[in-house]
């Protein structure tokens, strides 16, 4: 399974980004291999529709789960439409902390 984790930079040592649509980077964790890959969020600075574009990118990347701090209503609707699980974390963590929790 692939999990998307919002990140402030393109490294697992970066702080987790609590903004979904405006996150600087998306970290894709392949839960089977433990491998992480980072993708720049090209729509983080968009005037509008950043959440919808982020949801479209999530689908394109093949993620079945998204971990972020908040989801706007349009992004939430689109993710639900594609049966993508949303997990909200409110703690201040690094991406690697979340990856380690998932790996158990």
N, C-alpha and C. Protein backbone atom coordinates (compact mmCIF):
# COMPACT_ATOMS: atom_id res chain seq x y z
N UNK A 1 0.84 -1.18 0.00
CA UNK A 1 0.00 0.00 0.00
C UNK A 1 0.89 1.25 0.00
N UNK A 2 0.45 2.28 -0.71
CA UNK A 2 1.16 3.55 -0.74
C UNK A 2 0.44 4.56 0.15
N UNK A 3 1.23 5.25 0.97
CA UNK A 3 0.70 6.29 1.86
C UNK A 3 1.37 7.60 1.52
N UNK A 4 0.58 8.65 1.36
CA UNK A 4 1.12 9.99 1.11
C UNK A 4 1.18 10.73 2.45
N UNK A 5 2.35 11.30 2.74
CA UNK A 5 2.56 12.09 3.95
C UNK A 5 2.96 13.49 3.51
N UNK A 6 2.29 14.51 4.01
CA UNK A 6 2.64 15.87 3.63
C UNK A 6 3.90 16.31 4.37
N UNK A 7 4.78 17.00 3.64
CA UNK A 7 6.09 17.35 4.18
C UNK A 7 6.48 18.79 3.83
N UNK A 8 7.34 19.38 4.67
CA UNK A 8 7.81 20.74 4.41
C UNK A 8 9.03 20.77 3.48
N UNK A 9 9.70 19.62 3.30
CA UNK A 9 10.87 19.53 2.43
C UNK A 9 10.97 18.12 1.87
N UNK A 10 11.99 17.89 1.04
CA UNK A 10 12.10 16.60 0.35
C UNK A 10 13.03 15.62 1.05
N UNK A 11 12.88 15.52 2.37
CA UNK A 11 13.67 14.58 3.16
C UNK A 11 12.84 14.08 4.34
N UNK A 12 13.11 12.85 4.79
CA UNK A 12 12.36 12.30 5.92
C UNK A 12 12.70 13.02 7.23
N UNK A 13 13.79 13.79 7.23
CA UNK A 13 14.17 14.56 8.42
C UNK A 13 13.40 15.88 8.52
N UNK A 14 12.61 16.19 7.49
CA UNK A 14 11.85 17.45 7.45
C UNK A 14 10.63 17.36 8.37
N UNK A 15 10.20 18.52 8.88
CA UNK A 15 8.96 18.53 9.65
C UNK A 15 7.76 18.15 8.77
N UNK A 16 6.86 17.41 9.36
CA UNK A 16 5.58 17.05 8.76
C UNK A 16 4.81 18.34 8.50
N UNK A 17 4.19 18.47 7.34
CA UNK A 17 3.41 19.67 6.99
C UNK A 17 1.94 19.39 7.28
N UNK A 18 1.33 20.20 8.13
CA UNK A 18 -0.06 19.97 8.53
C UNK A 18 -1.06 20.47 7.49
N UNK A 19 -0.57 21.09 6.42
CA UNK A 19 -1.46 21.59 5.37
C UNK A 19 -1.44 20.59 4.22
N UNK A 20 -2.57 20.15 3.79
CA UNK A 20 -2.63 19.18 2.71
C UNK A 20 -2.41 19.85 1.35
N UNK A 21 -3.32 20.70 0.93
CA UNK A 21 -3.24 21.32 -0.38
C UNK A 21 -2.07 22.27 -0.54
N UNK A 22 -1.63 22.85 0.57
CA UNK A 22 -0.53 23.83 0.53
C UNK A 22 0.80 23.25 1.00
N UNK A 23 0.86 21.96 1.23
CA UNK A 23 2.12 21.33 1.64
C UNK A 23 3.16 21.53 0.54
N UNK A 24 4.41 21.74 0.94
CA UNK A 24 5.48 21.97 -0.04
C UNK A 24 5.81 20.69 -0.81
N UNK A 25 5.78 19.56 -0.10
CA UNK A 25 6.17 18.27 -0.70
C UNK A 25 5.21 17.18 -0.29
N UNK A 26 5.13 16.16 -1.12
CA UNK A 26 4.39 14.94 -0.81
C UNK A 26 5.40 13.80 -0.72
N UNK A 27 5.39 13.11 0.39
CA UNK A 27 6.24 11.93 0.55
C UNK A 27 5.36 10.71 0.34
N UNK A 28 5.74 9.87 -0.60
CA UNK A 28 5.02 8.61 -0.82
C UNK A 28 5.82 7.50 -0.14
N UNK A 29 5.18 6.84 0.80
CA UNK A 29 5.78 5.70 1.49
C UNK A 29 5.19 4.43 0.91
N UNK A 30 6.04 3.58 0.38
CA UNK A 30 5.60 2.26 -0.07
C UNK A 30 5.71 1.37 1.16
N UNK A 31 4.57 0.99 1.72
CA UNK A 31 4.57 0.25 2.98
C UNK A 31 5.14 -1.16 2.83
N UNK A 32 5.14 -1.70 1.63
CA UNK A 32 5.69 -3.05 1.42
C UNK A 32 7.21 -3.04 1.43
N UNK A 33 7.82 -2.02 0.80
CA UNK A 33 9.28 -1.97 0.71
C UNK A 33 9.92 -1.03 1.73
N UNK A 34 9.11 -0.11 2.30
CA UNK A 34 9.64 0.88 3.23
C UNK A 34 10.30 2.05 2.52
N UNK A 35 10.27 2.05 1.19
CA UNK A 35 10.91 3.10 0.40
C UNK A 35 10.07 4.38 0.40
N UNK A 36 10.76 5.53 0.47
CA UNK A 36 10.08 6.82 0.39
C UNK A 36 10.53 7.56 -0.86
N UNK A 37 9.59 8.24 -1.50
CA UNK A 37 9.87 9.04 -2.68
C UNK A 37 9.17 10.38 -2.48
N UNK A 38 9.86 11.47 -2.83
CA UNK A 38 9.29 12.80 -2.64
C UNK A 38 8.91 13.45 -3.96
N UNK A 39 7.77 14.13 -3.94
CA UNK A 39 7.26 14.86 -5.11
C UNK A 39 6.94 16.28 -4.69
N UNK A 40 7.44 17.24 -5.43
CA UNK A 40 7.16 18.65 -5.14
C UNK A 40 5.68 18.92 -5.43
N UNK A 41 5.02 19.65 -4.53
CA UNK A 41 3.63 20.03 -4.75
C UNK A 41 3.64 21.29 -5.62
N UNK A 42 3.41 21.10 -6.90
CA UNK A 42 3.45 22.20 -7.86
C UNK A 42 2.34 23.23 -7.64
N UNK A 43 1.32 22.86 -6.88
CA UNK A 43 0.17 23.75 -6.67
C UNK A 43 0.11 24.38 -5.28
N UNK A 44 1.20 24.27 -4.52
CA UNK A 44 1.21 24.80 -3.16
C UNK A 44 0.95 26.30 -3.12
N UNK A 45 1.36 27.01 -4.15
CA UNK A 45 1.19 28.47 -4.19
C UNK A 45 0.03 28.90 -5.08
N UNK A 46 -0.78 27.98 -5.52
CA UNK A 46 -1.90 28.31 -6.42
C UNK A 46 -2.86 29.29 -5.77
N UNK A 47 -3.47 30.13 -6.60
CA UNK A 47 -4.44 31.12 -6.09
C UNK A 47 -5.64 30.43 -5.45
N UNK A 48 -6.07 29.34 -6.05
CA UNK A 48 -7.22 28.59 -5.53
C UNK A 48 -7.17 27.17 -6.03
N UNK A 49 -7.92 26.31 -5.38
CA UNK A 49 -8.01 24.92 -5.83
C UNK A 49 -6.82 24.05 -5.47
N UNK A 50 -5.98 24.50 -4.53
CA UNK A 50 -4.80 23.72 -4.16
C UNK A 50 -5.18 22.35 -3.58
N UNK A 51 -6.23 22.31 -2.78
CA UNK A 51 -6.66 21.05 -2.18
C UNK A 51 -7.16 20.06 -3.22
N UNK A 52 -7.93 20.56 -4.18
CA UNK A 52 -8.45 19.70 -5.25
C UNK A 52 -7.30 19.16 -6.09
N UNK A 53 -6.34 20.04 -6.42
CA UNK A 53 -5.17 19.62 -7.21
C UNK A 53 -4.33 18.60 -6.43
N UNK A 54 -4.21 18.80 -5.12
CA UNK A 54 -3.47 17.86 -4.29
C UNK A 54 -4.16 16.49 -4.29
N UNK A 55 -5.49 16.50 -4.23
CA UNK A 55 -6.24 15.24 -4.26
C UNK A 55 -6.04 14.53 -5.61
N UNK A 56 -6.05 15.31 -6.70
CA UNK A 56 -5.81 14.72 -8.02
C UNK A 56 -4.42 14.11 -8.10
N UNK A 57 -3.42 14.80 -7.53
CA UNK A 57 -2.04 14.28 -7.51
C UNK A 57 -1.95 13.02 -6.66
N UNK A 58 -2.68 12.98 -5.56
CA UNK A 58 -2.71 11.80 -4.69
C UNK A 58 -3.21 10.59 -5.46
N UNK A 59 -4.28 10.77 -6.22
CA UNK A 59 -4.83 9.69 -7.05
C UNK A 59 -3.80 9.27 -8.10
N UNK A 60 -3.20 10.26 -8.75
CA UNK A 60 -2.21 10.00 -9.80
C UNK A 60 -1.02 9.20 -9.25
N UNK A 61 -0.60 9.49 -8.02
CA UNK A 61 0.53 8.80 -7.41
C UNK A 61 0.16 7.42 -6.87
N UNK A 62 -1.13 7.10 -6.88
CA UNK A 62 -1.58 5.78 -6.47
C UNK A 62 -1.65 5.55 -4.97
N UNK A 63 -1.74 6.63 -4.19
CA UNK A 63 -1.81 6.48 -2.73
C UNK A 63 -3.21 6.02 -2.31
N UNK A 64 -3.25 5.12 -1.33
CA UNK A 64 -4.52 4.66 -0.79
C UNK A 64 -4.84 5.33 0.55
N UNK A 65 -3.83 6.04 1.08
CA UNK A 65 -4.01 6.71 2.37
C UNK A 65 -3.22 8.02 2.35
N UNK A 66 -3.77 9.05 3.00
CA UNK A 66 -3.09 10.35 3.11
C UNK A 66 -3.01 10.73 4.58
N UNK A 67 -1.81 11.15 5.00
CA UNK A 67 -1.62 11.62 6.37
C UNK A 67 -1.26 13.09 6.29
N UNK A 68 -2.10 13.92 6.90
CA UNK A 68 -1.88 15.37 6.92
C UNK A 68 -2.53 15.94 8.18
N UNK A 69 -2.50 17.25 8.31
CA UNK A 69 -3.08 17.87 9.49
C UNK A 69 -4.50 18.37 9.28
N UNK A 70 -4.84 18.62 8.01
CA UNK A 70 -6.16 19.18 7.72
C UNK A 70 -6.49 18.95 6.26
N UNK A 71 -7.77 18.79 5.97
CA UNK A 71 -8.25 18.61 4.60
C UNK A 71 -9.41 19.56 4.38
N UNK A 72 -9.36 20.32 3.30
CA UNK A 72 -10.48 21.19 2.97
C UNK A 72 -11.65 20.37 2.46
N UNK A 73 -12.84 20.96 2.41
CA UNK A 73 -14.04 20.21 2.02
C UNK A 73 -13.99 19.65 0.60
N UNK A 74 -13.44 20.39 -0.35
CA UNK A 74 -13.37 19.90 -1.73
C UNK A 74 -12.38 18.76 -1.86
N UNK A 75 -11.23 18.90 -1.20
CA UNK A 75 -10.23 17.83 -1.21
C UNK A 75 -10.80 16.57 -0.56
N UNK A 76 -11.48 16.76 0.56
CA UNK A 76 -12.08 15.65 1.29
C UNK A 76 -13.08 14.90 0.41
N UNK A 77 -13.93 15.66 -0.30
CA UNK A 77 -14.93 15.04 -1.18
C UNK A 77 -14.26 14.21 -2.27
N UNK A 78 -13.21 14.75 -2.87
CA UNK A 78 -12.53 14.05 -3.96
C UNK A 78 -11.81 12.79 -3.45
N UNK A 79 -11.16 12.90 -2.30
CA UNK A 79 -10.48 11.74 -1.72
C UNK A 79 -11.48 10.64 -1.36
N UNK A 80 -12.62 11.05 -0.80
CA UNK A 80 -13.66 10.06 -0.47
C UNK A 80 -14.18 9.37 -1.73
N UNK A 81 -14.34 10.14 -2.80
CA UNK A 81 -14.82 9.59 -4.07
C UNK A 81 -13.91 8.45 -4.56
N UNK A 82 -12.60 8.60 -4.33
CA UNK A 82 -11.64 7.59 -4.76
C UNK A 82 -11.28 6.60 -3.65
N UNK A 83 -12.06 6.60 -2.57
CA UNK A 83 -11.86 5.68 -1.44
C UNK A 83 -10.45 5.76 -0.86
N UNK A 84 -9.94 6.98 -0.74
CA UNK A 84 -8.63 7.19 -0.14
C UNK A 84 -8.82 7.59 1.31
N UNK A 85 -8.20 6.82 2.19
CA UNK A 85 -8.33 7.05 3.63
C UNK A 85 -7.58 8.33 4.03
N UNK A 86 -8.19 9.14 4.88
CA UNK A 86 -7.56 10.36 5.38
C UNK A 86 -7.26 10.19 6.87
N UNK A 87 -6.03 10.48 7.25
CA UNK A 87 -5.60 10.40 8.64
C UNK A 87 -5.10 11.78 9.04
N UNK A 88 -5.66 12.32 10.11
CA UNK A 88 -5.26 13.64 10.59
C UNK A 88 -4.35 13.47 11.81
N UNK A 89 -3.18 14.11 11.72
CA UNK A 89 -2.25 14.13 12.86
C UNK A 89 -2.05 15.60 13.23
N UNK A 90 -2.22 15.91 14.50
CA UNK A 90 -2.08 17.30 14.95
C UNK A 90 -0.78 17.54 15.69
N UNK A 91 0.00 16.49 15.91
CA UNK A 91 1.28 16.63 16.62
C UNK A 91 2.34 17.24 15.70
N UNK A 92 3.34 17.88 16.31
CA UNK A 92 4.49 18.38 15.55
C UNK A 92 5.50 17.24 15.45
N UNK A 93 5.57 16.64 14.30
CA UNK A 93 6.44 15.49 14.07
C UNK A 93 7.30 15.70 12.84
N UNK A 94 8.32 14.89 12.71
CA UNK A 94 9.09 14.84 11.47
C UNK A 94 8.49 13.72 10.61
N UNK A 95 8.72 13.79 9.32
CA UNK A 95 8.19 12.76 8.41
C UNK A 95 8.67 11.38 8.86
N UNK A 96 9.94 11.28 9.26
CA UNK A 96 10.48 9.97 9.66
C UNK A 96 9.76 9.40 10.88
N UNK A 97 9.26 10.26 11.77
CA UNK A 97 8.49 9.78 12.93
C UNK A 97 7.22 9.06 12.47
N UNK A 98 6.56 9.63 11.48
CA UNK A 98 5.33 9.04 10.95
C UNK A 98 5.65 7.74 10.22
N UNK A 99 6.72 7.76 9.42
CA UNK A 99 7.14 6.56 8.70
C UNK A 99 7.43 5.43 9.69
N UNK A 100 8.12 5.74 10.77
CA UNK A 100 8.44 4.72 11.79
C UNK A 100 7.19 4.18 12.46
N UNK A 101 6.21 5.04 12.71
CA UNK A 101 4.93 4.58 13.30
C UNK A 101 4.22 3.61 12.36
N UNK A 102 4.24 3.92 11.08
CA UNK A 102 3.56 3.07 10.10
C UNK A 102 4.25 1.71 10.01
N UNK A 103 5.57 1.74 10.00
CA UNK A 103 6.33 0.49 9.89
C UNK A 103 6.16 -0.36 11.15
N UNK A 104 5.81 0.31 12.27
CA UNK A 104 5.56 -0.40 13.51
C UNK A 104 6.82 -0.83 14.15
